[in-house]
N, C-alpha and C. Protein backbone atom coordinates (compact mmCIF):
# COMPACT_ATOMS: atom_id res chain seq x y z
N UNK A 1 -23.64 1.24 -12.02
CA UNK A 1 -22.84 0.19 -12.25
C UNK A 1 -21.34 0.58 -12.06
N UNK A 2 -20.87 1.66 -12.53
CA UNK A 2 -19.44 2.05 -12.36
C UNK A 2 -19.15 2.15 -10.81
N UNK A 3 -20.06 2.66 -9.96
CA UNK A 3 -19.90 2.78 -8.61
C UNK A 3 -19.76 1.39 -7.86
N UNK A 4 -20.44 0.60 -8.26
CA UNK A 4 -20.54 -0.95 -7.68
C UNK A 4 -19.22 -1.54 -8.18
N UNK A 5 -18.75 -1.41 -9.27
CA UNK A 5 -17.42 -1.99 -9.56
C UNK A 5 -16.26 -1.28 -8.84
N UNK A 6 -16.30 0.01 -8.60
CA UNK A 6 -15.45 0.58 -7.78
C UNK A 6 -15.47 0.33 -6.32
N UNK A 7 -16.47 -0.01 -5.94
CA UNK A 7 -16.67 -0.41 -4.52
C UNK A 7 -16.14 -1.81 -4.27
N UNK A 8 -16.37 -2.63 -5.39
CA UNK A 8 -16.04 -3.77 -5.27
C UNK A 8 -14.48 -4.05 -5.27
N UNK A 9 -13.77 -3.06 -6.21
CA UNK A 9 -12.31 -3.03 -6.15
C UNK A 9 -11.83 -2.48 -4.80
N UNK A 10 -12.28 -1.65 -4.32
CA UNK A 10 -11.94 -1.14 -2.89
C UNK A 10 -11.90 -2.16 -1.97
N UNK A 11 -13.07 -2.85 -1.99
CA UNK A 11 -13.15 -3.80 -0.87
C UNK A 11 -12.13 -5.03 -1.22
N UNK A 12 -11.77 -5.27 -2.51
CA UNK A 12 -10.83 -6.43 -2.86
C UNK A 12 -9.53 -5.88 -2.37
N UNK A 13 -9.18 -4.64 -2.48
CA UNK A 13 -7.90 -4.05 -2.37
C UNK A 13 -7.68 -4.31 -0.61
N UNK A 14 -8.73 -3.78 0.08
CA UNK A 14 -8.71 -3.76 1.48
C UNK A 14 -8.68 -5.30 2.25
N UNK A 15 -9.28 -6.12 1.27
CA UNK A 15 -9.17 -7.58 1.87
C UNK A 15 -7.58 -8.11 1.68
N UNK A 16 -7.23 -7.77 0.59
CA UNK A 16 -5.95 -8.24 0.24
C UNK A 16 -4.87 -7.63 1.26
N UNK A 17 -4.92 -6.14 1.47
CA UNK A 17 -4.03 -5.37 2.46
C UNK A 17 -4.31 -5.85 3.63
N UNK A 18 -5.37 -6.34 4.24
CA UNK A 18 -5.53 -6.97 5.53
C UNK A 18 -4.56 -8.17 5.70
N UNK A 19 -4.21 -8.81 4.66
CA UNK A 19 -3.37 -9.83 4.88
C UNK A 19 -1.83 -9.55 5.00
N UNK A 20 -1.71 -8.29 4.84
CA UNK A 20 -0.08 -8.01 5.00
C UNK A 20 0.31 -7.89 6.30
N UNK A 21 1.39 -8.70 6.46
CA UNK A 21 1.89 -9.14 7.95
C UNK A 21 3.30 -8.56 8.21
N UNK A 22 3.83 -7.92 7.09
CA UNK A 22 5.21 -7.45 7.20
C UNK A 22 5.34 -6.01 6.68
N UNK A 23 6.52 -5.45 6.84
CA UNK A 23 6.89 -4.11 6.18
C UNK A 23 8.14 -4.44 5.51
N UNK A 24 8.44 -3.39 4.35
CA UNK A 24 9.64 -3.41 3.71
C UNK A 24 10.28 -2.10 3.49
N UNK A 25 11.53 -2.13 3.24
CA UNK A 25 12.34 -0.99 2.75
C UNK A 25 12.99 -1.38 1.63
N UNK A 26 12.83 -0.27 0.67
CA UNK A 26 13.51 -0.54 -0.54
C UNK A 26 14.60 0.25 -0.83
N UNK A 27 15.78 -0.38 -1.42
CA UNK A 27 17.15 0.48 -1.43
C UNK A 27 17.56 0.37 -2.91
N UNK A 28 17.94 1.57 -3.45
CA UNK A 28 18.52 1.56 -4.89
C UNK A 28 19.96 1.91 -4.65
N UNK A 29 20.81 1.46 -5.55
CA UNK A 29 22.18 1.85 -5.75
C UNK A 29 22.27 2.95 -6.68
N UNK A 30 22.75 4.11 -6.38
CA UNK A 30 22.82 5.16 -7.30
C UNK A 30 24.27 5.64 -7.29
N UNK A 31 24.57 6.27 -8.40
CA UNK A 31 25.91 6.80 -8.57
C UNK A 31 25.80 8.23 -8.28
N UNK A 32 27.02 8.53 -7.18
CA UNK A 32 26.99 9.93 -6.44
C UNK A 32 28.24 10.47 -6.93
N UNK A 33 28.33 11.71 -7.36
CA UNK A 33 29.60 12.46 -7.68
C UNK A 33 29.96 13.30 -6.40
N UNK A 34 31.13 12.98 -6.17
CA UNK A 34 31.83 13.92 -5.12
C UNK A 34 32.15 15.19 -5.57
N UNK A 35 31.76 16.36 -5.00
CA UNK A 35 31.92 17.56 -5.71
C UNK A 35 33.45 18.10 -5.67
N UNK A 36 34.19 17.49 -4.51
CA UNK A 36 35.56 17.95 -4.20
C UNK A 36 36.53 17.15 -5.15
N UNK A 37 36.33 15.95 -5.36
CA UNK A 37 37.26 15.03 -6.09
C UNK A 37 36.65 14.98 -7.54
N UNK A 38 35.50 15.08 -7.90
CA UNK A 38 34.77 14.87 -9.07
C UNK A 38 34.67 13.49 -9.50
N UNK A 39 34.90 12.68 -8.36
CA UNK A 39 34.92 11.09 -8.54
C UNK A 39 33.45 10.74 -8.16
N UNK A 40 33.09 9.85 -9.10
CA UNK A 40 31.59 9.19 -8.79
C UNK A 40 31.85 7.82 -8.14
N UNK A 41 30.87 7.68 -7.16
CA UNK A 41 31.00 6.35 -6.54
C UNK A 41 29.39 5.71 -6.38
N UNK A 42 29.31 4.56 -6.32
CA UNK A 42 28.08 3.97 -5.97
C UNK A 42 27.54 4.01 -4.66
N UNK A 43 26.41 4.45 -4.28
CA UNK A 43 26.02 4.63 -2.85
C UNK A 43 24.56 4.00 -2.97
N UNK A 44 24.06 3.41 -1.63
CA UNK A 44 22.81 3.00 -1.34
C UNK A 44 21.86 4.15 -1.06
N UNK A 45 20.64 4.38 -1.54
CA UNK A 45 19.81 5.33 -0.95
C UNK A 45 18.36 4.54 -0.76
N UNK A 46 17.77 4.72 0.42
CA UNK A 46 16.47 4.32 0.70
C UNK A 46 15.69 4.95 -0.03
N UNK A 47 14.54 4.31 -0.93
CA UNK A 47 13.68 4.98 -1.65
C UNK A 47 12.22 4.97 -0.90
N UNK A 48 12.00 3.69 -0.24
CA UNK A 48 10.79 3.58 0.42
C UNK A 48 11.05 2.84 1.84
N UNK A 49 10.24 3.29 2.86
CA UNK A 49 10.72 2.77 4.16
C UNK A 49 9.31 2.37 4.71
N UNK A 50 9.40 1.14 5.70
CA UNK A 50 8.20 0.73 6.30
C UNK A 50 6.90 0.84 5.48
N UNK A 51 7.08 0.22 4.10
CA UNK A 51 5.84 -0.19 3.68
C UNK A 51 5.35 -1.25 3.79
N UNK A 52 3.84 -1.44 4.27
CA UNK A 52 3.27 -2.65 4.37
C UNK A 52 3.32 -3.65 3.30
N UNK A 53 3.39 -4.92 3.46
CA UNK A 53 3.70 -5.85 2.65
C UNK A 53 3.42 -7.22 3.02
N UNK A 54 3.63 -8.43 2.16
CA UNK A 54 3.33 -9.55 2.51
C UNK A 54 4.18 -10.54 1.58
N UNK A 55 5.07 -11.51 2.28
CA UNK A 55 5.80 -12.28 1.68
C UNK A 55 4.98 -13.78 1.58
N UNK A 56 5.29 -14.30 0.49
CA UNK A 56 4.44 -15.49 0.15
C UNK A 56 5.57 -16.35 -0.34
N UNK A 57 5.75 -17.82 0.11
CA UNK A 57 6.67 -18.76 -0.19
C UNK A 57 5.98 -19.87 -0.88
N UNK A 58 6.50 -20.51 -1.86
CA UNK A 58 6.23 -21.64 -2.57
C UNK A 58 7.35 -22.61 -2.85
N UNK A 59 7.11 -23.82 -2.63
CA UNK A 59 8.04 -24.85 -3.01
C UNK A 59 8.11 -24.95 -4.44
N UNK A 60 9.24 -24.75 -5.16
CA UNK A 60 9.06 -24.91 -6.64
C UNK A 60 9.33 -26.36 -6.98
N UNK A 61 10.28 -27.03 -6.38
CA UNK A 61 10.55 -28.64 -6.68
C UNK A 61 10.80 -29.11 -5.31
N UNK A 62 10.69 -30.38 -5.13
CA UNK A 62 11.03 -31.17 -3.92
C UNK A 62 12.69 -31.17 -3.78
N UNK A 63 13.16 -31.28 -4.83
CA UNK A 63 14.66 -31.19 -4.68
C UNK A 63 15.29 -31.04 -6.10
N UNK A 64 16.29 -30.10 -6.31
CA UNK A 64 17.10 -29.90 -7.41
C UNK A 64 18.29 -30.54 -7.14
N UNK A 65 18.67 -31.40 -7.89
CA UNK A 65 20.19 -32.05 -7.85
C UNK A 65 21.16 -31.19 -8.43
N UNK A 66 22.18 -30.84 -7.64
CA UNK A 66 23.37 -30.24 -8.13
C UNK A 66 24.36 -31.22 -8.37
N UNK A 67 25.67 -30.84 -8.59
CA UNK A 67 26.87 -31.77 -8.65
C UNK A 67 27.26 -32.17 -7.44
N UNK A 68 26.99 -31.46 -6.37
CA UNK A 68 27.39 -31.85 -4.96
C UNK A 68 26.17 -32.37 -4.06
N UNK A 69 25.12 -32.06 -4.38
CA UNK A 69 24.02 -32.47 -3.25
C UNK A 69 22.67 -31.80 -3.98
N UNK A 70 21.70 -32.49 -3.37
CA UNK A 70 20.38 -31.92 -3.57
C UNK A 70 19.96 -30.75 -2.90
N UNK A 71 19.35 -29.80 -3.43
CA UNK A 71 18.91 -28.65 -2.75
C UNK A 71 17.38 -28.28 -2.83
N UNK A 72 16.79 -28.08 -2.08
CA UNK A 72 15.45 -27.55 -2.07
C UNK A 72 15.26 -26.09 -2.65
N UNK A 73 14.34 -26.12 -3.54
CA UNK A 73 14.08 -24.90 -4.38
C UNK A 73 12.83 -24.04 -4.12
N UNK A 74 12.98 -22.80 -3.62
CA UNK A 74 11.78 -22.27 -2.93
C UNK A 74 11.55 -20.86 -3.86
N UNK A 75 10.42 -20.60 -4.05
CA UNK A 75 9.93 -19.30 -4.67
C UNK A 75 9.43 -18.20 -3.73
N UNK A 76 9.93 -17.05 -3.73
CA UNK A 76 9.39 -15.89 -3.00
C UNK A 76 8.86 -14.87 -3.78
N UNK A 77 7.62 -14.67 -3.23
CA UNK A 77 6.99 -13.41 -4.04
C UNK A 77 6.52 -12.39 -3.06
N UNK A 78 6.56 -11.09 -3.34
CA UNK A 78 6.07 -9.95 -2.55
C UNK A 78 4.87 -9.45 -2.93
N UNK A 79 3.86 -9.23 -2.02
CA UNK A 79 2.66 -8.59 -2.29
C UNK A 79 2.68 -7.27 -1.74
N UNK A 80 2.42 -6.19 -2.50
CA UNK A 80 2.54 -4.71 -2.06
C UNK A 80 1.50 -4.07 -2.83
N UNK A 81 1.41 -2.88 -2.23
CA UNK A 81 0.18 -1.70 -3.16
C UNK A 81 0.58 -1.58 -4.48
N UNK A 82 -0.33 -1.37 -5.31
CA UNK A 82 -0.01 -1.31 -6.85
C UNK A 82 0.81 0.00 -7.34
N UNK A 83 0.46 0.90 -6.30
CA UNK A 83 0.99 2.28 -6.79
C UNK A 83 2.67 2.28 -6.48
N UNK A 84 3.15 1.45 -5.71
CA UNK A 84 4.68 1.66 -5.29
C UNK A 84 5.45 1.16 -6.32
N UNK A 85 6.40 2.10 -6.69
CA UNK A 85 7.39 1.62 -7.91
C UNK A 85 8.84 1.09 -7.46
N UNK A 86 9.05 0.01 -7.62
CA UNK A 86 10.35 -0.77 -7.33
C UNK A 86 11.03 -1.21 -8.58
N UNK A 87 12.22 -0.65 -8.70
CA UNK A 87 13.02 -1.19 -9.97
C UNK A 87 13.43 -2.45 -9.69
N UNK A 88 13.84 -3.09 -11.05
CA UNK A 88 14.35 -4.32 -11.18
C UNK A 88 15.76 -4.04 -10.57
N UNK A 89 15.97 -5.36 -9.81
CA UNK A 89 17.59 -5.23 -9.12
C UNK A 89 17.65 -4.13 -7.67
N UNK A 90 16.52 -3.61 -7.26
CA UNK A 90 16.46 -3.03 -6.07
C UNK A 90 16.65 -4.00 -4.93
N UNK A 91 17.27 -3.56 -3.71
CA UNK A 91 17.39 -4.37 -2.60
C UNK A 91 16.07 -4.22 -1.89
N UNK A 92 15.29 -5.09 -1.49
CA UNK A 92 14.10 -5.16 -0.53
C UNK A 92 14.48 -5.95 0.68
N UNK A 93 14.31 -5.03 1.68
CA UNK A 93 14.57 -5.53 3.13
C UNK A 93 12.99 -5.90 3.60
N UNK A 94 12.78 -7.01 3.93
CA UNK A 94 11.42 -7.35 4.36
C UNK A 94 11.53 -8.10 5.92
N UNK A 95 10.72 -7.41 6.73
CA UNK A 95 10.48 -7.83 8.02
C UNK A 95 9.10 -8.50 8.13
N UNK A 96 9.00 -9.91 8.49
CA UNK A 96 7.70 -10.36 8.65
C UNK A 96 7.82 -11.55 9.73
N UNK A 97 6.85 -11.76 10.57
CA UNK A 97 6.93 -12.68 11.60
C UNK A 97 8.06 -12.76 12.43
N UNK A 98 8.80 -11.56 12.64
CA UNK A 98 9.99 -11.42 13.35
C UNK A 98 11.39 -11.67 12.68
N UNK A 99 11.21 -12.02 11.43
CA UNK A 99 12.43 -12.37 10.71
C UNK A 99 12.59 -11.35 9.42
N UNK A 100 13.91 -10.90 9.56
CA UNK A 100 14.49 -9.86 8.55
C UNK A 100 15.26 -10.43 7.56
N UNK A 101 15.00 -10.31 6.17
CA UNK A 101 15.71 -10.96 5.22
C UNK A 101 15.86 -9.91 3.81
N UNK A 102 16.99 -10.03 3.32
CA UNK A 102 17.22 -9.12 2.08
C UNK A 102 16.98 -9.80 0.95
N UNK A 103 16.15 -9.16 -0.11
CA UNK A 103 15.96 -9.72 -1.36
C UNK A 103 16.29 -8.83 -2.36
N UNK A 104 16.23 -9.22 -3.78
CA UNK A 104 16.39 -8.18 -4.74
C UNK A 104 15.21 -8.64 -5.63
N UNK A 105 14.70 -7.41 -6.31
CA UNK A 105 13.61 -7.85 -7.18
C UNK A 105 14.19 -8.32 -8.46
N UNK A 106 13.54 -9.45 -8.90
CA UNK A 106 14.11 -10.12 -10.11
C UNK A 106 13.49 -9.80 -11.50
N UNK A 107 12.59 -9.13 -11.41
CA UNK A 107 12.01 -8.89 -12.78
C UNK A 107 10.62 -7.80 -12.71
N UNK A 108 10.13 -7.73 -13.62
CA UNK A 108 8.85 -6.81 -13.71
C UNK A 108 7.78 -7.28 -12.82
N UNK A 109 7.13 -6.45 -12.02
CA UNK A 109 5.99 -6.84 -11.30
C UNK A 109 4.90 -7.35 -12.17
N UNK A 110 3.97 -7.90 -11.49
CA UNK A 110 2.51 -8.22 -12.20
C UNK A 110 1.60 -7.39 -11.36
N UNK A 111 1.02 -6.38 -11.97
CA UNK A 111 0.46 -5.14 -11.26
C UNK A 111 -1.14 -5.31 -11.65
N UNK A 112 -1.82 -5.46 -10.34
CA UNK A 112 -3.27 -5.69 -10.57
C UNK A 112 -3.95 -4.44 -9.85
N UNK A 113 -5.16 -4.17 -9.96
CA UNK A 113 -5.92 -2.87 -9.49
C UNK A 113 -5.82 -2.93 -7.97
N UNK A 114 -5.70 -4.08 -7.39
CA UNK A 114 -5.56 -4.38 -5.85
C UNK A 114 -4.26 -4.43 -5.34
N UNK A 115 -3.24 -4.85 -5.99
CA UNK A 115 -1.97 -5.06 -5.48
C UNK A 115 -1.20 -5.56 -6.84
N UNK A 116 0.12 -5.61 -6.16
CA UNK A 116 1.22 -6.20 -7.35
C UNK A 116 1.93 -7.22 -6.68
N UNK A 117 2.46 -8.11 -7.58
CA UNK A 117 3.35 -9.16 -7.11
C UNK A 117 4.41 -9.21 -7.76
N UNK A 118 5.60 -9.35 -6.89
CA UNK A 118 6.95 -9.34 -7.58
C UNK A 118 7.58 -10.37 -6.80
N UNK A 119 8.21 -11.08 -7.98
CA UNK A 119 9.28 -12.31 -7.66
C UNK A 119 10.50 -11.95 -7.13
N UNK A 120 10.77 -12.48 -6.16
CA UNK A 120 12.21 -12.03 -5.29
C UNK A 120 13.04 -13.20 -5.28
N UNK A 121 14.34 -12.54 -5.31
CA UNK A 121 15.48 -13.62 -4.99
C UNK A 121 16.30 -13.16 -3.97
N UNK A 122 16.92 -13.90 -3.16
CA UNK A 122 17.80 -13.76 -2.04
C UNK A 122 18.93 -12.66 -2.40
N UNK A 123 19.10 -11.62 -1.91
CA UNK A 123 20.25 -10.51 -2.28
C UNK A 123 21.36 -11.18 -1.91
N UNK A 124 22.11 -11.10 -3.10
CA UNK A 124 23.78 -11.72 -3.00
C UNK A 124 24.61 -10.45 -3.39
N UNK A 125 24.15 -9.42 -3.41
CA UNK A 125 25.11 -8.24 -3.63
C UNK A 125 24.80 -7.58 -4.87
N UNK A 126 25.19 -6.39 -5.00
CA UNK A 126 24.85 -5.47 -6.18
C UNK A 126 25.58 -5.95 -7.41
N UNK A 127 24.84 -6.13 -8.61
CA UNK A 127 25.25 -6.55 -9.84
C UNK A 127 26.25 -5.39 -10.29
């Protein structure tokens, strides 16, 4: 019985990963101390490169009215392997269908045995 559950989970993961159409790079902002000047500065460091993934888009509302105009609201979700660790606030650069976009991880991922789902926001700079 345990072997059949394990086989089913492997098959489910393989099926989900077969839908991955993109690759991503994960960048974190780290504090780096200059040994000469002893001054710390913030620097970007690539943590993960060319990781297979998939972006999924959904329309949240037809239009959201602001003070100046109505704007369309869209949700973006990243599907990626469950063992990948992406910290909140990391920059995630995704290339899918020939388009490269920069996002940030907006919260804790939903982790399943076959994949994880991370809600993304467009990257607007480091906090």
